[in-house]
C-alpha cells in the first residue's frame, strides 16, 4: 500500500486444528492475500511468547512498515481487509484489533487482543517496543502495547464481537474456563 509494507502473520502449532488452518489458507488464497504462516511450539510457550520472539527477531532485521497478526481461526469476511487495516493504522498513531478483556488481569481494561491485531513499526518503536507476552503483572498477551499507547496519547481502534458461543459444560470442565465473561 502506497509503497509501504504490511506483514501479515498467523502463528500455528500442532495443537491447533489443522483443518481450520487449511480453511484459513484457502480463504487467503481466494482473496489473493499472501499470508505468512509461522509454526510455533504452543505446547512449550504461548501465543504472546510467539509474538514476542517474532518481534525480537524482526528488530534485528529491516522491519516492515506495519504488522498484522492473526490467529488461524480468525477469518476475514471481505476481500479488501488489507485496505481496511491500512486505513486504520496508516497514521502510525493507531493500534487496530479485536476487543479483548482478560479474565485474570485488569478485567476492566479492554485492549486489542492477539487474535487480530495491526500496528505500525513506527508506533511500536515510539512506545519503546512493549513486551507482548503475559508475564507483565498488569498485562495479558499484547495488552501492554495498548496500555503504553493509551498512556502516551495514541489511538486504540477496537473491533467488537457481534456474537459469541458460550462454552459447553464439558468444555468448562476440560479447560477450567467460565461459560463466558463480559468485556469490561
C-alpha atoms as a PDB file:
ATOM      1  CA  UNK A   1       0.000   0.000   0.000  1.00  0.00           C
ATOM      2  CA  UNK A   2       1.493   3.368  -1.053  1.00  0.00           C
ATOM      3  CA  UNK A   3       4.996   1.836  -1.190  1.00  0.00           C
ATOM      4  CA  UNK A   4       4.703   0.657   2.415  1.00  0.00           C
ATOM      5  CA  UNK A   5       4.802  -2.966   3.507  1.00  0.00           C
ATOM      6  CA  UNK A   6       2.252  -4.776   5.655  1.00  0.00           C
ATOM      7  CA  UNK A   7       3.469  -8.058   7.103  1.00  0.00           C
ATOM      8  CA  UNK A   8       0.550 -10.436   7.770  1.00  0.00           C
ATOM      9  CA  UNK A   9       1.364 -13.319  10.122  1.00  0.00           C
ATOM     10  CA  UNK A  10      -0.504 -16.278  11.560  1.00  0.00           C
ATOM     11  CA  UNK A  11       1.139 -18.468  14.178  1.00  0.00           C
ATOM     12  CA  UNK A  12       0.051 -22.110  14.261  1.00  0.00           C
ATOM     13  CA  UNK A  13       1.157 -25.245  16.000  1.00  0.00           C
ATOM     14  CA  UNK A  14       0.420 -28.937  16.228  1.00  0.00           C
ATOM     15  CA  UNK A  15      -2.103 -28.378  19.000  1.00  0.00           C
ATOM     16  CA  UNK A  16      -4.182 -26.182  16.662  1.00  0.00           C
ATOM     17  CA  UNK A  17      -6.907 -27.592  14.449  1.00  0.00           C
ATOM     18  CA  UNK A  18      -5.154 -28.202  11.124  1.00  0.00           C
ATOM     19  CA  UNK A  19      -8.496 -28.366   9.300  1.00  0.00           C
ATOM     20  CA  UNK A  20      -9.179 -24.775  10.391  1.00  0.00           C
ATOM     21  CA  UNK A  21      -5.676 -23.778   9.257  1.00  0.00           C
ATOM     22  CA  UNK A  22      -6.254 -25.324   5.817  1.00  0.00           C
ATOM     23  CA  UNK A  23      -9.582 -23.488   5.523  1.00  0.00           C
ATOM     24  CA  UNK A  24      -7.819 -20.272   6.550  1.00  0.00           C
ATOM     25  CA  UNK A  25      -5.205 -20.788   3.811  1.00  0.00           C
ATOM     26  CA  UNK A  26      -7.946 -21.295   1.213  1.00  0.00           C
ATOM     27  CA  UNK A  27      -9.636 -18.038   2.216  1.00  0.00           C
ATOM     28  CA  UNK A  28      -6.411 -16.035   1.935  1.00  0.00           C
ATOM     29  CA  UNK A  29      -5.552 -17.674  -1.389  1.00  0.00           C
ATOM     30  CA  UNK A  30      -9.059 -16.846  -2.663  1.00  0.00           C
ATOM     31  CA  UNK A  31      -8.686 -13.211  -1.545  1.00  0.00           C
ATOM     32  CA  UNK A  32      -5.171 -13.039  -3.034  1.00  0.00           C
ATOM     33  CA  UNK A  33      -3.586 -12.064   0.289  1.00  0.00           C
ATOM     34  CA  UNK A  34      -0.091 -13.538   0.812  1.00  0.00           C
ATOM     35  CA  UNK A  35      -0.330 -14.642   4.449  1.00  0.00           C
ATOM     36  CA  UNK A  36       2.781 -15.781   6.323  1.00  0.00           C
ATOM     37  CA  UNK A  37       2.229 -18.913   8.413  1.00  0.00           C
ATOM     38  CA  UNK A  38       4.751 -19.473  11.187  1.00  0.00           C
ATOM     39  CA  UNK A  39       4.809 -22.753  13.093  1.00  0.00           C
ATOM     40  CA  UNK A  40       5.224 -22.332  16.847  1.00  0.00           C
ATOM     41  CA  UNK A  41       5.531 -24.956  19.631  1.00  0.00           C
ATOM     42  CA  UNK A  42       2.412 -23.902  21.571  1.00  0.00           C
ATOM     43  CA  UNK A  43       2.850 -26.922  23.857  1.00  0.00           C
ATOM     44  CA  UNK A  44       6.001 -25.182  25.174  1.00  0.00           C
ATOM     45  CA  UNK A  45       5.126 -21.479  25.025  1.00  0.00           C
ATOM     46  CA  UNK A  46       2.000 -19.422  24.382  1.00  0.00           C
ATOM     47  CA  UNK A  47       0.796 -17.004  21.751  1.00  0.00           C
ATOM     48  CA  UNK A  48       2.289 -13.956  23.464  1.00  0.00           C
ATOM     49  CA  UNK A  49       5.674 -15.672  23.555  1.00  0.00           C
ATOM     50  CA  UNK A  50       5.377 -16.399  19.823  1.00  0.00           C
ATOM     51  CA  UNK A  51       4.666 -12.740  19.088  1.00  0.00           C
ATOM     52  CA  UNK A  52       7.475 -11.560  21.397  1.00  0.00           C
ATOM     53  CA  UNK A  53      10.018 -13.922  19.825  1.00  0.00           C
ATOM     54  CA  UNK A  54       8.905 -12.831  16.354  1.00  0.00           C
ATOM     55  CA  UNK A  55       9.173  -9.119  17.192  1.00  0.00           C
ATOM     56  CA  UNK A  56      12.600  -9.613  18.786  1.00  0.00           C
ATOM     57  CA  UNK A  57      13.833 -11.322  15.613  1.00  0.00           C
ATOM     58  CA  UNK A  58      12.467  -8.546  13.436  1.00  0.00           C
ATOM     59  CA  UNK A  59      14.270  -5.900  15.468  1.00  0.00           C
ATOM     60  CA  UNK A  60      17.495  -7.432  14.154  1.00  0.00           C
ATOM     61  CA  UNK A  61      16.391  -7.082  10.510  1.00  0.00           C
ATOM     62  CA  UNK A  62      14.845  -4.474   8.249  1.00  0.00           C
ATOM     63  CA  UNK A  63      11.317  -4.035   9.549  1.00  0.00           C
ATOM     64  CA  UNK A  64       8.142  -3.978   7.509  1.00  0.00           C
ATOM     65  CA  UNK A  65       6.156  -0.749   7.933  1.00  0.00           C
ATOM     66  CA  UNK A  66       3.125  -2.464   9.513  1.00  0.00           C
ATOM     67  CA  UNK A  67       2.319  -5.691  11.332  1.00  0.00           C
ATOM     68  CA  UNK A  68      -0.934  -7.595  11.017  1.00  0.00           C
ATOM     69  CA  UNK A  69      -1.101 -10.515  13.453  1.00  0.00           C
ATOM     70  CA  UNK A  70      -3.921 -13.064  13.462  1.00  0.00           C
ATOM     71  CA  UNK A  71      -4.841 -16.436  14.839  1.00  0.00           C
ATOM     72  CA  UNK A  72      -5.617 -19.185  12.377  1.00  0.00           C
ATOM     73  CA  UNK A  73      -9.303 -19.211  13.356  1.00  0.00           C
ATOM     74  CA  UNK A  74      -9.729 -15.502  12.597  1.00  0.00           C
ATOM     75  CA  UNK A  75     -11.226 -15.432   9.135  1.00  0.00           C
ATOM     76  CA  UNK A  76     -11.688 -12.161   7.229  1.00  0.00           C
ATOM     77  CA  UNK A  77     -15.063 -11.842   5.548  1.00  0.00           C
ATOM     78  CA  UNK A  78     -14.163  -9.172   2.997  1.00  0.00           C
ATOM     79  CA  UNK A  79     -11.594  -9.261   0.225  1.00  0.00           C
ATOM     80  CA  UNK A  80     -10.435  -5.715   0.908  1.00  0.00           C
ATOM     81  CA  UNK A  81      -9.462  -6.423   4.525  1.00  0.00           C
ATOM     82  CA  UNK A  82      -5.921  -5.147   3.907  1.00  0.00           C
ATOM     83  CA  UNK A  83      -7.365  -1.793   2.787  1.00  0.00           C
ATOM     84  CA  UNK A  84      -9.448  -1.606   5.983  1.00  0.00           C
ATOM     85  CA  UNK A  85      -6.407  -2.386   8.127  1.00  0.00           C
ATOM     86  CA  UNK A  86      -4.190   0.091   6.308  1.00  0.00           C
ATOM     87  CA  UNK A  87      -6.803   2.846   6.596  1.00  0.00           C
ATOM     88  CA  UNK A  88      -6.863   2.351  10.377  1.00  0.00           C
ATOM     89  CA  UNK A  89      -3.104   2.241  11.030  1.00  0.00           C
ATOM     90  CA  UNK A  90      -1.568   4.396   8.271  1.00  0.00           C
ATOM     91  CA  UNK A  91      -1.421   7.414  10.612  1.00  0.00           C
ATOM     92  CA  UNK A  92       1.189   5.447  12.612  1.00  0.00           C
ATOM     93  CA  UNK A  93      -0.577   6.512  15.797  1.00  0.00           C
ATOM     94  CA  UNK A  94      -3.278   3.808  15.965  1.00  0.00           C
ATOM     95  CA  UNK A  95      -3.430   0.199  17.120  1.00  0.00           C
ATOM     96  CA  UNK A  96      -6.290  -1.681  15.452  1.00  0.00           C
ATOM     97  CA  UNK A  97      -7.685  -5.001  16.604  1.00  0.00           C
ATOM     98  CA  UNK A  98     -10.287  -7.206  18.196  1.00  0.00           C
ATOM     99  CA  UNK A  99     -11.611  -6.071  21.577  1.00  0.00           C
ATOM    100  CA  UNK A 100     -10.492  -8.336  24.385  1.00  0.00           C
ATOM    101  CA  UNK A 101     -10.506  -8.259  28.164  1.00  0.00           C
ATOM    102  CA  UNK A 102      -8.574 -10.774  30.231  1.00  0.00           C
ATOM    103  CA  UNK A 103     -10.450 -12.614  32.956  1.00  0.00           C
ATOM    104  CA  UNK A 104      -7.438 -12.843  35.273  1.00  0.00           C
ATOM    105  CA  UNK A 105      -5.681  -9.468  34.939  1.00  0.00           C
ATOM    106  CA  UNK A 106      -7.145  -5.963  34.765  1.00  0.00           C
ATOM    107  CA  UNK A 107     -10.623  -7.310  33.872  1.00  0.00           C
ATOM    108  CA  UNK A 108     -11.955  -3.803  33.223  1.00  0.00           C
ATOM    109  CA  UNK A 109      -9.253  -2.933  30.687  1.00  0.00           C
ATOM    110  CA  UNK A 110     -10.293  -3.576  27.109  1.00  0.00           C
ATOM    111  CA  UNK A 111      -7.421  -3.864  24.642  1.00  0.00           C
ATOM    112  CA  UNK A 112      -6.585  -5.166  21.157  1.00  0.00           C
ATOM    113  CA  UNK A 113      -6.058  -8.894  21.532  1.00  0.00           C
ATOM    114  CA  UNK A 114      -3.582 -11.031  19.601  1.00  0.00           C
ATOM    115  CA  UNK A 115      -6.250 -12.860  17.586  1.00  0.00           C
ATOM    116  CA  UNK A 116      -6.472  -9.854  15.237  1.00  0.00           C
ATOM    117  CA  UNK A 117      -4.015  -7.013  15.758  1.00  0.00           C
ATOM    118  CA  UNK A 118      -2.408  -4.399  13.490  1.00  0.00           C
ATOM    119  CA  UNK A 119       0.030  -1.567  14.214  1.00  0.00           C
ATOM    120  CA  UNK A 120       2.930   0.293  12.616  1.00  0.00           C
ATOM    121  CA  UNK A 121       6.625  -0.264  13.145  1.00  0.00           C
ATOM    122  CA  UNK A 122       6.961   3.437  13.933  1.00  0.00           C
ATOM    123  CA  UNK A 123       4.382   3.252  16.723  1.00  0.00           C
ATOM    124  CA  UNK A 124       5.928   0.096  18.174  1.00  0.00           C
ATOM    125  CA  UNK A 125       9.347   1.755  18.297  1.00  0.00           C
ATOM    126  CA  UNK A 126       7.959   5.043  19.691  1.00  0.00           C
ATOM    127  CA  UNK A 127       6.305   3.094  22.507  1.00  0.00           C
ATOM    128  CA  UNK A 128       9.653   1.508  23.412  1.00  0.00           C
ATOM    129  CA  UNK A 129       8.891  -1.939  21.944  1.00  0.00           C
ATOM    130  CA  UNK A 130       6.410  -3.081  24.631  1.00  0.00           C
ATOM    131  CA  UNK A 131       6.555  -6.724  25.676  1.00  0.00           C
ATOM    132  CA  UNK A 132       3.870  -8.871  24.033  1.00  0.00           C
ATOM    133  CA  UNK A 133       3.834 -11.859  26.436  1.00  0.00           C
ATOM    134  CA  UNK A 134       1.703 -12.216  29.580  1.00  0.00           C
ATOM    135  CA  UNK A 135       4.438 -12.050  32.239  1.00  0.00           C
ATOM    136  CA  UNK A 136       3.886  -8.354  32.957  1.00  0.00           C
ATOM    137  CA  UNK A 137       1.714  -8.091  36.096  1.00  0.00           C
ATOM    138  CA  UNK A 138      -0.850  -5.727  34.575  1.00  0.00           C
ATOM    139  CA  UNK A 139      -0.942  -7.222  31.074  1.00  0.00           C
ATOM    140  CA  UNK A 140      -2.150 -10.249  29.182  1.00  0.00           C
ATOM    141  CA  UNK A 141      -0.773 -11.091  25.704  1.00  0.00           C
ATOM    142  CA  UNK A 142      -0.435  -7.859  23.634  1.00  0.00           C
ATOM    143  CA  UNK A 143      -2.193  -5.825  26.336  1.00  0.00           C
ATOM    144  CA  UNK A 144       0.959  -3.895  27.298  1.00  0.00           C
ATOM    145  CA  UNK A 145       1.102  -2.464  23.769  1.00  0.00           C
ATOM    146  CA  UNK A 146      -2.334  -0.909  24.354  1.00  0.00           C
ATOM    147  CA  UNK A 147      -1.512   0.274  27.879  1.00  0.00           C
ATOM    148  CA  UNK A 148       1.575   2.073  26.540  1.00  0.00           C
ATOM    149  CA  UNK A 149      -0.364   3.540  23.607  1.00  0.00           C
ATOM    150  CA  UNK A 150      -3.100   4.903  25.886  1.00  0.00           C
ATOM    151  CA  UNK A 151      -0.582   6.298  28.379  1.00  0.00           C
ATOM    152  CA  UNK A 152       1.213   8.137  25.583  1.00  0.00           C
ATOM    153  CA  UNK A 153      -1.842   9.594  23.844  1.00  0.00           C
ATOM    154  CA  UNK A 154      -2.027   7.225  20.887  1.00  0.00           C
ATOM    155  CA  UNK A 155      -5.228   5.739  19.458  1.00  0.00           C
ATOM    156  CA  UNK A 156      -6.743   2.323  20.011  1.00  0.00           C
ATOM    157  CA  UNK A 157      -9.375   1.277  17.485  1.00  0.00           C
ATOM    158  CA  UNK A 158     -11.349  -1.784  18.562  1.00  0.00           C
ATOM    159  CA  UNK A 159     -13.456  -4.269  16.649  1.00  0.00           C
ATOM    160  CA  UNK A 160     -16.199  -5.555  18.927  1.00  0.00           C
ATOM    161  CA  UNK A 161     -17.556  -9.081  18.515  1.00  0.00           C
ATOM    162  CA  UNK A 162     -21.138  -9.246  17.298  1.00  0.00           C
ATOM    163  CA  UNK A 163     -21.825 -12.575  18.977  1.00  0.00           C
ATOM    164  CA  UNK A 164     -20.124 -15.383  20.856  1.00  0.00           C
ATOM    165  CA  UNK A 165     -20.707 -19.004  21.695  1.00  0.00           C
ATOM    166  CA  UNK A 166     -20.732 -19.942  25.340  1.00  0.00           C
ATOM    167  CA  UNK A 167     -18.653 -22.945  26.317  1.00  0.00           C
ATOM    168  CA  UNK A 168     -20.490 -26.166  26.993  1.00  0.00           C
ATOM    169  CA  UNK A 169     -20.412 -27.656  30.493  1.00  0.00           C
ATOM    170  CA  UNK A 170     -17.944 -30.256  29.204  1.00  0.00           C
ATOM    171  CA  UNK A 171     -15.657 -27.553  27.731  1.00  0.00           C
ATOM    172  CA  UNK A 172     -15.783 -25.627  31.021  1.00  0.00           C
ATOM    173  CA  UNK A 173     -14.842 -28.791  32.899  1.00  0.00           C
ATOM    174  CA  UNK A 174     -11.971 -29.600  30.494  1.00  0.00           C
ATOM    175  CA  UNK A 175     -10.486 -26.110  30.408  1.00  0.00           C
ATOM    176  CA  UNK A 176     -11.438 -24.621  33.772  1.00  0.00           C
ATOM    177  CA  UNK A 177     -12.752 -21.581  31.880  1.00  0.00           C
ATOM    178  CA  UNK A 178     -16.095 -19.941  32.641  1.00  0.00           C
ATOM    179  CA  UNK A 179     -19.029 -20.333  30.207  1.00  0.00           C
ATOM    180  CA  UNK A 180     -18.326 -16.746  29.124  1.00  0.00           C
ATOM    181  CA  UNK A 181     -17.264 -13.436  30.589  1.00  0.00           C
ATOM    182  CA  UNK A 182     -18.261  -9.937  29.578  1.00  0.00           C
ATOM    183  CA  UNK A 183     -15.879  -7.356  28.190  1.00  0.00           C
ATOM    184  CA  UNK A 184     -15.042  -4.872  30.971  1.00  0.00           C
END
